[in-house]
Amino acid sequence: CGLGYAFVNLVDGARSREVSAALDGFSSWAVRSNKVCQVTLSEREQGLKALVRRFRNSSIMHVEVPDEFKPCLFSSGRRVPFPPPRKQLRRPSEQL
């Protein structure tokens, strides 16, 4: 099984320690897994705009990629549409 990851962008950066403490070490997954969540700060991108810029034109957003592999945006606890790509997307490799 591959390594999963998530980017969590907080509206209130002052809560980052609280969120990190809640997620770091989490292992009570809904499916059987030995994986343990490890929280680290991104050295590459910080902020929602940077993350959208990174993924909106990525091959991971291609129509052939199943939705469960694509990044998600949430606002007030509800999923909202991801901004559309600004260029034609390349087909993803067969690694999925």
N, C-alpha and C. Protein backbone atom coordinates (compact mmCIF):
# COMPACT_ATOMS: atom_id res chain seq x y z
N CYS A 1 0.84 -1.18 0.00
CA CYS A 1 0.00 0.00 0.00
C CYS A 1 0.89 1.24 0.00
N GLY A 2 0.54 2.22 -0.79
CA GLY A 2 1.33 3.43 -0.90
C GLY A 2 1.21 4.34 0.31
N LEU A 3 2.08 5.30 0.33
CA LEU A 3 2.09 6.30 1.39
C LEU A 3 1.05 7.35 1.06
N GLY A 4 0.12 7.59 1.94
CA GLY A 4 -0.89 8.62 1.73
C GLY A 4 -0.43 9.92 2.37
N TYR A 5 -0.97 11.02 1.89
CA TYR A 5 -0.63 12.30 2.50
C TYR A 5 -1.76 13.28 2.30
N ALA A 6 -1.72 14.34 3.09
CA ALA A 6 -2.73 15.39 2.99
C ALA A 6 -2.07 16.72 3.30
N PHE A 7 -2.61 17.77 2.69
CA PHE A 7 -2.23 19.13 3.03
C PHE A 7 -3.43 19.72 3.75
N VAL A 8 -3.20 20.25 4.93
CA VAL A 8 -4.27 20.89 5.69
C VAL A 8 -3.92 22.37 5.79
N ASN A 9 -4.74 23.20 5.21
CA ASN A 9 -4.53 24.64 5.25
C ASN A 9 -5.54 25.23 6.23
N LEU A 10 -5.04 25.82 7.31
CA LEU A 10 -5.93 26.37 8.33
C LEU A 10 -6.25 27.83 8.06
N VAL A 11 -7.47 28.20 8.30
CA VAL A 11 -7.88 29.59 8.18
C VAL A 11 -7.25 30.41 9.30
N ASP A 12 -7.15 29.80 10.47
CA ASP A 12 -6.56 30.44 11.65
C ASP A 12 -5.26 29.73 12.00
N GLY A 13 -4.14 30.32 11.59
CA GLY A 13 -2.84 29.71 11.84
C GLY A 13 -2.51 29.55 13.31
N ALA A 14 -3.17 30.31 14.17
CA ALA A 14 -2.93 30.21 15.61
C ALA A 14 -3.35 28.85 16.16
N ARG A 15 -4.18 28.13 15.43
CA ARG A 15 -4.65 26.81 15.89
C ARG A 15 -3.78 25.67 15.38
N SER A 16 -2.68 25.98 14.70
CA SER A 16 -1.86 24.94 14.09
C SER A 16 -1.31 23.95 15.12
N ARG A 17 -0.91 24.42 16.28
CA ARG A 17 -0.40 23.49 17.31
C ARG A 17 -1.49 22.54 17.79
N GLU A 18 -2.70 23.06 17.97
CA GLU A 18 -3.82 22.24 18.41
C GLU A 18 -4.15 21.16 17.36
N VAL A 19 -4.20 21.55 16.11
CA VAL A 19 -4.50 20.61 15.03
C VAL A 19 -3.37 19.58 14.89
N SER A 20 -2.14 20.04 14.95
CA SER A 20 -0.99 19.12 14.86
C SER A 20 -1.04 18.09 15.98
N ALA A 21 -1.33 18.54 17.20
CA ALA A 21 -1.39 17.62 18.34
C ALA A 21 -2.50 16.59 18.16
N ALA A 22 -3.63 17.01 17.57
CA ALA A 22 -4.75 16.09 17.37
C ALA A 22 -4.45 15.06 16.28
N LEU A 23 -3.72 15.46 15.25
CA LEU A 23 -3.47 14.55 14.11
C LEU A 23 -2.20 13.72 14.26
N ASP A 24 -1.16 14.28 14.85
CA ASP A 24 0.12 13.57 14.95
C ASP A 24 -0.03 12.33 15.82
N GLY A 25 0.32 11.19 15.28
CA GLY A 25 0.20 9.93 16.00
C GLY A 25 -1.13 9.23 15.81
N PHE A 26 -2.07 9.83 15.09
CA PHE A 26 -3.38 9.22 14.86
C PHE A 26 -3.21 7.88 14.16
N SER A 27 -3.93 6.87 14.63
CA SER A 27 -3.85 5.54 14.01
C SER A 27 -5.18 4.78 14.04
N SER A 28 -6.25 5.42 14.41
CA SER A 28 -7.56 4.77 14.52
C SER A 28 -8.33 4.89 13.21
N TRP A 29 -7.78 4.32 12.14
CA TRP A 29 -8.37 4.42 10.81
C TRP A 29 -9.63 3.58 10.70
N ALA A 30 -10.50 3.94 9.79
CA ALA A 30 -11.75 3.20 9.55
C ALA A 30 -11.47 1.85 8.89
N VAL A 31 -10.31 1.72 8.27
CA VAL A 31 -9.90 0.46 7.66
C VAL A 31 -8.67 -0.06 8.39
N ARG A 32 -8.44 -1.34 8.31
CA ARG A 32 -7.30 -1.95 9.00
C ARG A 32 -5.99 -1.44 8.39
N SER A 33 -5.14 -0.87 9.24
CA SER A 33 -3.87 -0.31 8.78
C SER A 33 -2.93 -0.15 9.96
N ASN A 34 -1.64 -0.33 9.68
CA ASN A 34 -0.61 -0.10 10.69
C ASN A 34 -0.04 1.31 10.59
N LYS A 35 -0.57 2.09 9.67
CA LYS A 35 -0.03 3.43 9.44
C LYS A 35 -0.37 4.37 10.59
N VAL A 36 0.58 5.26 10.86
CA VAL A 36 0.43 6.26 11.91
C VAL A 36 0.65 7.63 11.27
N CYS A 37 -0.25 8.54 11.54
CA CYS A 37 -0.16 9.88 10.97
C CYS A 37 1.04 10.63 11.58
N GLN A 38 1.80 11.26 10.72
CA GLN A 38 2.93 12.08 11.15
C GLN A 38 2.75 13.47 10.55
N VAL A 39 2.72 14.47 11.40
CA VAL A 39 2.50 15.85 10.96
C VAL A 39 3.84 16.55 10.77
N THR A 40 4.01 17.16 9.60
CA THR A 40 5.19 17.99 9.33
C THR A 40 4.73 19.23 8.58
N LEU A 41 5.47 20.30 8.72
CA LEU A 41 5.18 21.52 7.98
C LEU A 41 5.72 21.39 6.57
N SER A 42 4.97 21.88 5.62
CA SER A 42 5.42 21.86 4.24
C SER A 42 6.54 22.87 4.04
N GLU A 43 7.62 22.42 3.46
CA GLU A 43 8.72 23.33 3.14
C GLU A 43 8.54 23.89 1.73
N ARG A 44 7.67 23.26 0.97
CA ARG A 44 7.49 23.64 -0.44
C ARG A 44 6.44 24.72 -0.64
N GLU A 45 5.26 24.51 -0.11
CA GLU A 45 4.16 25.47 -0.28
C GLU A 45 3.54 25.80 1.06
N GLN A 46 3.10 27.03 1.19
CA GLN A 46 2.35 27.46 2.36
C GLN A 46 1.16 28.28 1.86
N GLY A 47 -0.02 27.95 2.36
CA GLY A 47 -1.21 28.72 2.03
C GLY A 47 -2.04 28.09 0.94
N LEU A 48 -3.31 28.41 0.98
CA LEU A 48 -4.28 27.84 0.04
C LEU A 48 -3.96 28.18 -1.41
N LYS A 49 -3.62 29.43 -1.69
CA LYS A 49 -3.33 29.82 -3.07
C LYS A 49 -2.17 29.01 -3.64
N ALA A 50 -1.14 28.80 -2.86
CA ALA A 50 0.02 28.04 -3.33
C ALA A 50 -0.35 26.58 -3.60
N LEU A 51 -1.18 26.00 -2.75
CA LEU A 51 -1.58 24.60 -2.94
C LEU A 51 -2.48 24.45 -4.17
N VAL A 52 -3.41 25.39 -4.36
CA VAL A 52 -4.26 25.34 -5.56
C VAL A 52 -3.39 25.49 -6.80
N ARG A 53 -2.45 26.42 -6.77
CA ARG A 53 -1.55 26.63 -7.91
C ARG A 53 -0.76 25.35 -8.21
N ARG A 54 -0.35 24.63 -7.18
CA ARG A 54 0.42 23.40 -7.37
C ARG A 54 -0.40 22.30 -8.05
N PHE A 55 -1.66 22.16 -7.67
CA PHE A 55 -2.44 21.00 -8.12
C PHE A 55 -3.40 21.26 -9.27
N ARG A 56 -3.83 22.49 -9.50
CA ARG A 56 -4.89 22.71 -10.50
C ARG A 56 -4.47 22.29 -11.91
N ASN A 57 -3.21 22.39 -12.26
CA ASN A 57 -2.74 22.01 -13.59
C ASN A 57 -1.94 20.70 -13.57
N SER A 58 -2.06 19.97 -12.48
CA SER A 58 -1.36 18.70 -12.33
C SER A 58 -2.13 17.57 -13.03
N SER A 59 -1.41 16.57 -13.50
CA SER A 59 -2.07 15.42 -14.15
C SER A 59 -2.98 14.67 -13.17
N ILE A 60 -2.82 14.88 -11.88
CA ILE A 60 -3.69 14.23 -10.91
C ILE A 60 -5.14 14.73 -11.06
N MET A 61 -5.33 15.88 -11.70
CA MET A 61 -6.67 16.44 -11.90
C MET A 61 -7.30 15.98 -13.21
N HIS A 62 -6.60 15.16 -13.98
CA HIS A 62 -7.11 14.66 -15.26
C HIS A 62 -8.40 13.88 -15.06
N VAL A 63 -9.29 13.94 -16.01
CA VAL A 63 -10.59 13.28 -15.94
C VAL A 63 -10.47 11.76 -15.72
N GLU A 64 -9.37 11.16 -16.14
CA GLU A 64 -9.19 9.71 -15.98
C GLU A 64 -8.78 9.30 -14.57
N VAL A 65 -8.40 10.26 -13.75
CA VAL A 65 -8.00 9.95 -12.37
C VAL A 65 -9.25 9.89 -11.50
N PRO A 66 -9.44 8.79 -10.76
CA PRO A 66 -10.61 8.68 -9.89
C PRO A 66 -10.64 9.82 -8.85
N ASP A 67 -11.82 10.26 -8.52
CA ASP A 67 -12.01 11.39 -7.62
C ASP A 67 -11.33 11.17 -6.26
N GLU A 68 -11.29 9.94 -5.78
CA GLU A 68 -10.71 9.69 -4.45
C GLU A 68 -9.20 9.95 -4.39
N PHE A 69 -8.56 10.13 -5.54
CA PHE A 69 -7.13 10.43 -5.58
C PHE A 69 -6.85 11.92 -5.75
N LYS A 70 -7.88 12.70 -5.98
CA LYS A 70 -7.71 14.12 -6.26
C LYS A 70 -7.76 14.95 -4.98
N PRO A 71 -7.09 16.10 -4.99
CA PRO A 71 -7.19 16.98 -3.83
C PRO A 71 -8.61 17.53 -3.69
N CYS A 72 -8.99 17.80 -2.44
CA CYS A 72 -10.32 18.32 -2.14
C CYS A 72 -10.19 19.65 -1.42
N LEU A 73 -11.15 20.50 -1.63
CA LEU A 73 -11.25 21.75 -0.89
C LEU A 73 -12.54 21.71 -0.07
N PHE A 74 -12.45 22.22 1.15
CA PHE A 74 -13.62 22.29 2.02
C PHE A 74 -13.75 23.71 2.54
N SER A 75 -14.98 24.16 2.70
CA SER A 75 -15.28 25.45 3.30
C SER A 75 -16.43 25.23 4.28
N SER A 76 -16.24 25.62 5.51
CA SER A 76 -17.25 25.43 6.57
C SER A 76 -17.69 23.97 6.65
N GLY A 77 -16.75 23.05 6.46
CA GLY A 77 -17.04 21.63 6.58
C GLY A 77 -17.67 20.98 5.38
N ARG A 78 -17.88 21.73 4.32
CA ARG A 78 -18.50 21.18 3.10
C ARG A 78 -17.51 21.22 1.95
N ARG A 79 -17.55 20.17 1.14
CA ARG A 79 -16.66 20.13 -0.02
C ARG A 79 -17.12 21.16 -1.05
N VAL A 80 -16.15 21.89 -1.58
CA VAL A 80 -16.43 22.89 -2.61
C VAL A 80 -15.61 22.53 -3.86
N PRO A 81 -16.04 22.98 -5.02
CA PRO A 81 -15.33 22.64 -6.26
C PRO A 81 -13.89 23.14 -6.26
N PHE A 82 -13.01 22.32 -6.80
CA PHE A 82 -11.62 22.71 -6.97
C PHE A 82 -11.55 23.61 -8.20
N PRO A 83 -10.76 24.69 -8.16
CA PRO A 83 -10.67 25.56 -9.34
C PRO A 83 -10.24 24.77 -10.58
N PRO A 84 -10.84 25.06 -11.72
CA PRO A 84 -10.52 24.30 -12.94
C PRO A 84 -9.09 24.58 -13.41
N PRO A 85 -8.54 23.65 -14.19
CA PRO A 85 -7.19 23.88 -14.72
C PRO A 85 -7.17 25.06 -15.68
N ARG A 86 -5.98 25.63 -15.82
CA ARG A 86 -5.81 26.76 -16.73
C ARG A 86 -5.14 26.35 -18.03
N LYS A 87 -4.84 25.06 -18.15
CA LYS A 87 -4.26 24.54 -19.37
C LYS A 87 -4.73 23.10 -19.56
N GLN A 88 -4.48 22.56 -20.73
CA GLN A 88 -4.87 21.17 -20.97
C GLN A 88 -3.98 20.25 -20.13
N LEU A 89 -4.61 19.30 -19.47
CA LEU A 89 -3.87 18.42 -18.57
C LEU A 89 -3.31 17.21 -19.31
N ARG A 90 -2.09 16.83 -18.94
CA ARG A 90 -1.50 15.61 -19.48
C ARG A 90 -2.17 14.41 -18.84
N ARG A 91 -2.22 13.32 -19.59
CA ARG A 91 -2.72 12.06 -19.04
C ARG A 91 -1.77 11.61 -17.94
N PRO A 92 -2.30 11.06 -16.85
CA PRO A 92 -1.42 10.59 -15.79
C PRO A 92 -0.69 9.31 -16.18
N SER A 93 0.39 9.04 -15.48
CA SER A 93 1.10 7.77 -15.70
C SER A 93 0.22 6.65 -15.18
N GLU A 94 0.60 5.43 -15.45
CA GLU A 94 -0.21 4.26 -15.07
C GLU A 94 0.03 3.82 -13.64
N GLN A 95 0.60 4.67 -12.79
CA GLN A 95 0.95 4.29 -11.41
C GLN A 95 -0.25 4.22 -10.49
N LEU A 96 -1.39 4.78 -10.88
CA LEU A 96 -2.55 4.76 -10.01
C LEU A 96 -3.18 3.44 -10.04
